Every structure is written in structure tokens, then in C-alpha cells.
Amino acid sequence: MMRIVRIVLGGLLMFIVMVVAAVLTLRIALHGHEITVPNFAGMTAAEASDEALQQGLDLTIENKFYSTTVPAGRMLSQAPAPGSRVRHGWQVRVTQSLGPQQVTIPDVTGEPVREATMDLRRNSLDLATVSHLEAPGEADLVLAQTPPPNAGLDQPRVSLLLSSAAAGASSAFVMPSFVGMTYSQANHAGMALGLRVYYIADQVQAAPAPQADSTLPPGASTFQIAPVPIAPSTPGGPVTSQKPEAGSRVFKGETVRITFGHPASANPAPQSPSAPSTIVPNQ
């Protein structure tokens, strides 16, 4: 009986030793070739590539961003972060600096996608996300762009919203938002959708009505001076509101009225309470 117990205990001890040895071997296999990720920030592409090769890492330039602090061609950031422990051959993704922004974003609203893409390339910009919106008229016309013209940007990429042929026979579509656009952008976008774009300019200014003259004989009547409209000018501020509103169901040929923000005048001219707004159609 004691002999059997000794045999069982000896077998159990051998099994435990085998399990411990296997765990230690697996741990050494998994962590024995771990590498500490170096800091690639500030390195050129060549320097970062050489450092990654020496450490046994796979370096990939994933993004390029504009920066006012890091010179063009040098690394801005990385993932995994410096000091992380990774296995041999692990991929490290880095972001490269393009230096300060020196490009101007062109206005490609209303252009065919091919022409818009060529304009972006000429300005050292890339085409990013392209979305489509069912709209009457020609297909593949630029309805809107992000970022807008002359805006600041972090990446050299511009996303476009293009028109696409309506699926059904109906010419109805969803009204996009013109808020924030300039007059030129809103005008191009509206014409591309087949809409009639009007902007609401300053109110007309009427001459004050003459006061009653006590020297006139009884029964004599006075007359009113007709309002004198002020010649409208192309607005410079962004669109602040629109009718119909964005998201409404509209049809080709409908009229959309857009209102622009104007800086307040220190000495506004007197306005006639009943003077209507001047509505100017697109050209």
C-alpha cells in the first residue's frame, strides 16, 4: 500500500515540475524577445526608418499633418508610445509633419468632380472622403466641400459632396444647409441643385413723409414721396439662415431665400417701418 502511495506522489511531483517548466518556457518565449519602443519624435523619415530597423520594428508613416512647431519631414507622433514593450517585428505607426500650412484651399463648388480633383491636385491637396446626394440636374457636380475655401486645415485633404441622379422619377430631394457659406458658395450649390437662390439684402430706405403745413388752405392735400430703393451689393458675411430650412423636401426650380450676417453699423440710417426687404436673384 505504501509503495502505491509513493508511486502516486512521485508521479504527481513529476507532473507539477513539467507544468512549471512549460510555463517558464512559454513566458520566456513570449517576453524574451520584447523590445522597448524608441522615441521617433523629431526624427527625419530616414533616421526613424534606420532606428526601427535596428530595433527590429516595422515603421509605417500613417498620416501627415501640418505643424507650426515641427519642421517638415520630421515625425510628430507615434503609436505605440515611446517606452512601450512590444514583440519583435511589431508595427509602429508614425505621423509626419508637413511644416506650416502654405496652401490655399480653392473653391470647387459647382465644378464636375474631375475638374475639382485637378484643382485640388494643383494646390498640393488630396481628395479625401467623397459622398453623394440625390439631386436633379447633372451628376457628379460638387455641391459642398470640407474644409471650405480659404479655411485653415490640419491635413492636406478635402472632402466633397457630389450630386447623383435621383433614383425615381420625382424631382424632389432634401434641402441641404447653406448656413456658414459665402454668397459664391451658396449660389453655386443652389444652381447645381436646380434651385433659384435669392439673398435678402439691406432694407430699402424711404424719404420721411412731409409734415402737415398749417399755411395750406383747408381741404388741400399733401402727397407722399415714393420709397427710394438702395442699390444692393453682393453680401460679404456668411449665410445665417435660409428658407426652406435644411432637411425640408423641395423640388427642382423652387426658390431658396438666404439671409447674410452684416456687421452692425454705428450710426444706422433711419428706416421706414413699412419698408420691405430687397430680394435679389442669383445671376
Protein backbone atom coordinates (compact mmCIF):
# COMPACT_ATOMS: atom_id res chain seq x y z
CA MET A 1 0.00 0.00 0.00
CA MET A 2 2.78 2.42 0.92
CA ARG A 3 4.52 1.59 -2.34
CA ILE A 4 1.47 2.60 -4.33
CA VAL A 5 1.23 5.87 -2.42
CA ARG A 6 4.91 6.64 -3.14
CA ILE A 7 4.39 5.94 -6.84
CA VAL A 8 1.37 8.24 -6.99
CA LEU A 9 3.15 11.03 -5.11
CA GLY A 10 6.21 10.68 -7.35
CA GLY A 11 4.08 10.90 -10.49
CA LEU A 12 2.24 13.95 -9.17
CA LEU A 13 5.54 15.65 -8.34
CA MET A 14 6.87 14.98 -11.83
CA PHE A 15 3.65 16.41 -13.36
CA ILE A 16 3.97 19.59 -11.30
CA VAL A 17 7.60 20.00 -12.36
CA MET A 18 6.61 19.58 -16.03
CA VAL A 19 3.84 22.20 -15.74
CA VAL A 20 6.17 24.72 -14.07
CA ALA A 21 8.81 24.14 -16.74
CA ALA A 22 6.24 24.64 -19.52
CA VAL A 23 5.01 27.90 -18.01
CA LEU A 24 8.54 29.23 -17.68
CA THR A 25 9.36 28.23 -21.26
CA LEU A 26 6.22 29.93 -22.58
CA ARG A 27 6.95 33.08 -20.60
CA ILE A 28 10.49 33.25 -21.97
CA ALA A 29 9.19 32.66 -25.49
CA LEU A 30 6.64 35.44 -25.21
CA HIS A 31 8.70 38.03 -23.37
CA GLY A 32 12.25 37.07 -24.12
CA HIS A 33 12.22 39.00 -27.45
CA GLU A 34 10.30 42.06 -26.29
CA ILE A 35 11.59 45.45 -27.45
CA THR A 36 11.28 48.88 -25.90
CA VAL A 37 9.78 51.27 -28.45
CA PRO A 38 12.13 54.23 -29.00
CA ASN A 39 11.01 57.84 -29.31
CA PHE A 40 10.79 58.73 -33.02
CA ALA A 41 9.54 62.31 -32.44
CA GLY A 42 11.69 64.88 -34.24
CA MET A 43 13.48 62.30 -36.40
CA THR A 44 13.51 62.50 -40.18
CA ALA A 45 11.94 59.67 -42.16
CA ALA A 46 15.39 58.19 -42.88
CA GLU A 47 16.50 58.41 -39.23
CA ALA A 48 13.27 56.86 -37.96
CA SER A 49 13.47 54.06 -40.53
CA ASP A 50 17.06 53.21 -39.57
CA GLU A 51 16.24 53.23 -35.85
CA ALA A 52 13.22 50.96 -36.37
CA LEU A 53 15.31 48.55 -38.47
CA GLN A 54 17.98 48.33 -35.76
CA GLN A 55 15.34 47.63 -33.10
CA GLY A 56 13.54 45.05 -35.21
CA LEU A 57 10.35 47.09 -35.59
CA ASP A 58 8.11 47.73 -38.61
CA LEU A 59 7.78 51.51 -39.15
CA THR A 60 4.79 52.84 -41.11
CA ILE A 61 4.09 56.52 -41.90
CA GLU A 62 0.31 56.55 -41.43
CA ASN A 63 -0.59 60.26 -41.54
CA LYS A 64 0.81 63.63 -42.50
CA PHE A 65 -0.27 66.80 -40.69
CA TYR A 66 0.60 70.49 -40.86
CA SER A 67 2.55 71.82 -37.89
CA THR A 68 3.88 75.22 -36.90
CA THR A 69 6.36 73.74 -34.39
CA VAL A 70 7.83 70.65 -36.09
CA PRO A 71 9.76 71.13 -39.36
CA ALA A 72 8.51 69.43 -42.49
CA GLY A 73 9.64 65.82 -42.92
CA ARG A 74 10.12 65.09 -39.21
CA MET A 75 7.97 62.87 -37.01
CA LEU A 76 5.13 64.42 -35.00
CA SER A 77 3.72 61.47 -33.04
CA GLN A 78 3.70 57.69 -32.88
CA ALA A 79 1.74 54.66 -31.69
CA PRO A 80 2.62 52.72 -29.56
CA ALA A 81 4.02 55.44 -27.33
CA PRO A 82 7.76 55.63 -26.56
CA GLY A 83 8.80 53.22 -23.80
CA SER A 84 6.12 50.65 -24.60
CA ARG A 85 7.15 46.99 -24.64
CA VAL A 86 6.29 45.15 -27.85
CA ARG A 87 7.33 41.95 -29.61
CA HIS A 88 9.95 41.75 -32.32
CA GLY A 89 8.54 42.86 -35.68
CA TRP A 90 5.73 44.93 -34.12
CA GLN A 91 4.29 47.71 -36.31
CA VAL A 92 4.85 51.28 -35.14
CA ARG A 93 2.64 53.91 -36.82
CA VAL A 94 4.02 57.44 -37.03
CA THR A 95 2.69 60.82 -38.17
CA GLN A 96 4.95 63.03 -40.27
CA SER A 97 4.97 66.84 -40.21
CA LEU A 98 4.26 68.85 -43.34
CA GLY A 99 5.54 72.04 -41.73
CA PRO A 100 3.46 75.24 -41.62
CA GLN A 101 0.42 75.41 -43.89
CA GLN A 102 1.33 77.08 -47.16
CA VAL A 103 -1.56 76.12 -49.42
CA THR A 104 -4.81 77.85 -50.32
CA ILE A 105 -7.99 75.80 -50.49
CA PRO A 106 -9.70 76.56 -53.80
CA ASP A 107 -13.46 76.93 -54.23
CA VAL A 108 -14.53 73.89 -56.27
CA THR A 109 -18.26 74.17 -55.53
CA GLY A 110 -20.31 73.69 -58.70
CA GLU A 111 -17.45 72.04 -60.63
CA PRO A 112 -17.53 68.49 -62.05
CA VAL A 113 -15.64 66.06 -59.84
CA ARG A 114 -12.86 65.57 -62.41
CA GLU A 115 -12.20 69.31 -62.69
CA ALA A 116 -12.45 69.73 -58.91
CA THR A 117 -9.92 66.94 -58.35
CA MET A 118 -7.47 68.57 -60.78
CA ASP A 119 -7.85 71.92 -58.97
CA LEU A 120 -7.08 70.24 -55.65
CA ARG A 121 -4.00 68.49 -57.06
CA ARG A 122 -2.69 71.76 -58.45
CA ASN A 123 -2.83 73.16 -54.92
CA SER A 124 -0.98 70.16 -53.42
CA LEU A 125 -4.18 68.83 -51.84
CA ASP A 126 -5.56 65.29 -51.78
CA LEU A 127 -9.13 64.13 -52.30
CA ALA A 128 -10.44 62.64 -49.06
CA THR A 129 -14.00 61.43 -48.43
CA VAL A 130 -16.45 61.63 -51.33
CA SER A 131 -20.18 61.47 -50.55
CA HIS A 132 -23.21 61.65 -52.84
CA LEU A 133 -26.60 63.31 -52.51
CA GLU A 134 -29.52 62.69 -54.87
CA ALA A 135 -30.15 65.93 -56.71
CA PRO A 136 -31.73 66.97 -60.01
CA GLY A 137 -29.53 68.08 -62.86
CA GLU A 138 -26.12 66.77 -63.82
CA ALA A 139 -24.47 64.05 -61.76
CA ASP A 140 -21.05 64.30 -60.07
CA LEU A 141 -21.16 68.07 -59.53
CA VAL A 142 -19.63 69.38 -56.29
CA LEU A 143 -22.44 70.55 -54.00
CA ALA A 144 -20.26 71.33 -50.97
CA GLN A 145 -16.72 70.88 -49.71
CA THR A 146 -14.97 70.46 -46.36
CA PRO A 147 -12.96 72.45 -45.37
CA PRO A 148 -14.46 75.48 -47.13
CA PRO A 149 -12.32 77.72 -49.37
CA ASN A 150 -9.52 79.69 -47.70
CA ALA A 151 -10.06 77.93 -44.37
CA GLY A 152 -7.30 76.56 -42.16
CA LEU A 153 -6.73 72.81 -42.27
CA ASP A 154 -4.76 70.16 -40.42
CA GLN A 155 -4.43 67.62 -43.22
CA PRO A 156 -3.89 68.25 -46.95
CA ARG A 157 -7.22 66.63 -47.76
CA VAL A 158 -10.56 67.99 -48.93
CA SER A 159 -13.84 66.06 -48.73
CA LEU A 160 -16.51 66.61 -51.39
CA LEU A 161 -20.28 66.19 -51.54
CA LEU A 162 -21.31 65.28 -55.09
CA SER A 163 -24.68 65.22 -56.82
CA SER A 164 -26.09 61.93 -58.04
CA ALA A 165 -29.02 61.10 -60.29
CA ALA A 166 -32.33 60.71 -58.48
CA ALA A 167 -33.43 57.08 -58.12
CA GLY A 168 -37.08 57.75 -59.02
CA ALA A 169 -38.93 59.91 -61.50
CA SER A 170 -39.71 62.52 -58.86
CA SER A 171 -37.54 65.64 -58.79
CA ALA A 172 -37.92 66.00 -55.02
CA PHE A 173 -34.83 65.98 -52.82
CA VAL A 174 -33.69 67.00 -49.35
CA MET A 175 -32.69 70.63 -48.93
CA PRO A 176 -29.03 70.91 -47.85
CA SER A 177 -27.75 73.51 -45.42
CA PHE A 178 -26.27 76.73 -46.80
CA VAL A 179 -25.59 78.20 -43.34
CA GLY A 180 -21.98 79.31 -42.97
CA MET A 181 -21.34 79.52 -46.72
CA THR A 182 -20.32 82.64 -48.59
CA TYR A 183 -22.56 84.11 -51.27
CA SER A 184 -20.50 82.47 -54.03
CA GLN A 185 -20.63 79.03 -52.40
CA ALA A 186 -24.36 79.17 -51.71
CA ASN A 187 -25.05 80.44 -55.23
CA HIS A 188 -23.02 77.65 -56.87
CA ALA A 189 -24.54 74.98 -54.63
CA GLY A 190 -28.09 76.20 -55.31
CA MET A 191 -27.62 76.32 -59.08
CA ALA A 192 -26.10 72.83 -59.05
CA LEU A 193 -29.29 71.57 -57.37
CA GLY A 194 -31.55 73.41 -59.80
CA LEU A 195 -32.75 75.89 -57.18
CA ARG A 196 -33.37 79.61 -57.60
CA VAL A 197 -31.21 81.33 -54.98
CA TYR A 198 -32.25 84.74 -53.67
CA TYR A 199 -30.47 86.66 -50.96
CA ILE A 200 -32.11 89.17 -48.68
CA ALA A 201 -30.19 92.45 -48.83
CA ASP A 202 -30.50 95.61 -46.76
CA GLN A 203 -33.91 97.17 -46.41
CA VAL A 204 -34.90 99.99 -48.73
CA GLN A 205 -34.82 103.46 -47.26
CA ALA A 206 -37.78 105.75 -47.77
CA ALA A 207 -37.82 109.50 -47.56
CA PRO A 208 -39.70 110.82 -44.50
CA ALA A 209 -43.30 111.83 -45.08
CA PRO A 210 -43.77 115.62 -45.18
CA GLN A 211 -45.35 117.26 -42.17
CA ALA A 212 -48.70 118.96 -42.48
CA ASP A 213 -48.31 122.60 -43.50
CA SER A 214 -50.52 124.94 -41.47
CA THR A 215 -50.26 127.57 -44.20
CA LEU A 216 -52.19 125.44 -46.72
CA PRO A 217 -55.83 126.29 -47.14
CA PRO A 218 -58.39 123.93 -45.61
CA GLY A 219 -59.04 120.88 -47.78
CA ALA A 220 -55.65 120.99 -49.54
CA SER A 221 -53.98 117.57 -49.56
CA THR A 222 -50.34 116.67 -49.18
CA PHE A 223 -48.60 113.91 -51.15
CA GLN A 224 -46.24 111.03 -50.21
CA ILE A 225 -42.76 110.63 -51.65
CA ALA A 226 -42.22 107.12 -53.06
CA PRO A 227 -39.57 104.98 -51.32
CA VAL A 228 -36.17 105.15 -52.94
CA PRO A 229 -34.54 101.69 -53.00
CA ILE A 230 -30.89 101.41 -52.14
CA ALA A 231 -28.85 99.58 -54.76
CA PRO A 232 -27.94 96.19 -53.23
CA SER A 233 -24.39 94.92 -53.23
CA THR A 234 -23.07 91.36 -53.04
CA PRO A 235 -23.08 90.39 -49.34
CA GLY A 236 -19.79 89.60 -47.67
CA GLY A 237 -20.88 87.88 -44.49
CA PRO A 238 -21.74 84.17 -44.07
CA VAL A 239 -25.26 82.78 -44.54
CA THR A 240 -27.09 82.94 -41.20
CA SER A 241 -30.45 81.44 -42.17
CA GLN A 242 -32.39 80.03 -45.10
CA LYS A 243 -35.94 79.30 -46.25
CA PRO A 244 -36.82 76.48 -46.78
CA GLU A 245 -34.74 75.15 -43.92
CA ALA A 246 -32.18 72.35 -44.27
CA GLY A 247 -33.83 68.93 -44.25
CA SER A 248 -37.03 70.13 -45.93
CA ARG A 249 -38.41 68.36 -49.00
CA VAL A 250 -38.03 70.58 -52.04
CA PHE A 251 -38.25 70.29 -55.82
CA LYS A 252 -36.11 71.48 -58.67
CA GLY A 253 -36.95 75.05 -59.64
CA GLU A 254 -38.05 76.10 -56.16
CA THR A 255 -36.78 79.31 -54.59
CA VAL A 256 -34.49 79.32 -51.57
CA ARG A 257 -34.01 82.61 -49.73
CA ILE A 258 -30.79 83.07 -47.80
CA THR A 259 -30.00 85.75 -45.25
CA PHE A 260 -26.50 87.05 -44.59
CA GLY A 261 -25.00 88.46 -41.43
CA HIS A 262 -23.80 92.06 -41.66
CA PRO A 263 -21.73 93.93 -39.07
CA ALA A 264 -23.79 96.39 -37.08
CA SER A 265 -23.41 100.00 -38.13
CA ALA A 266 -22.51 102.59 -35.50
CA ASN A 267 -24.98 105.11 -36.99
CA PRO A 268 -27.68 103.20 -38.80
CA ALA A 269 -29.73 105.13 -41.30
CA PRO A 270 -33.38 105.71 -40.35
CA GLN A 271 -35.63 103.00 -41.76
CA SER A 272 -39.26 103.21 -42.73
CA PRO A 273 -41.29 100.80 -40.55
CA SER A 274 -43.18 99.51 -43.56
CA ALA A 275 -40.24 99.32 -45.96
CA PRO A 276 -39.89 95.81 -47.40
CA SER A 277 -36.61 93.91 -47.82
CA THR A 278 -34.90 93.95 -51.17
CA ILE A 279 -34.68 90.43 -52.68
CA VAL A 280 -32.01 89.94 -55.29
CA PRO A 281 -31.95 86.82 -57.52
CA ASN A 282 -28.84 84.93 -58.46
CA GLN A 283 -27.21 85.86 -61.74
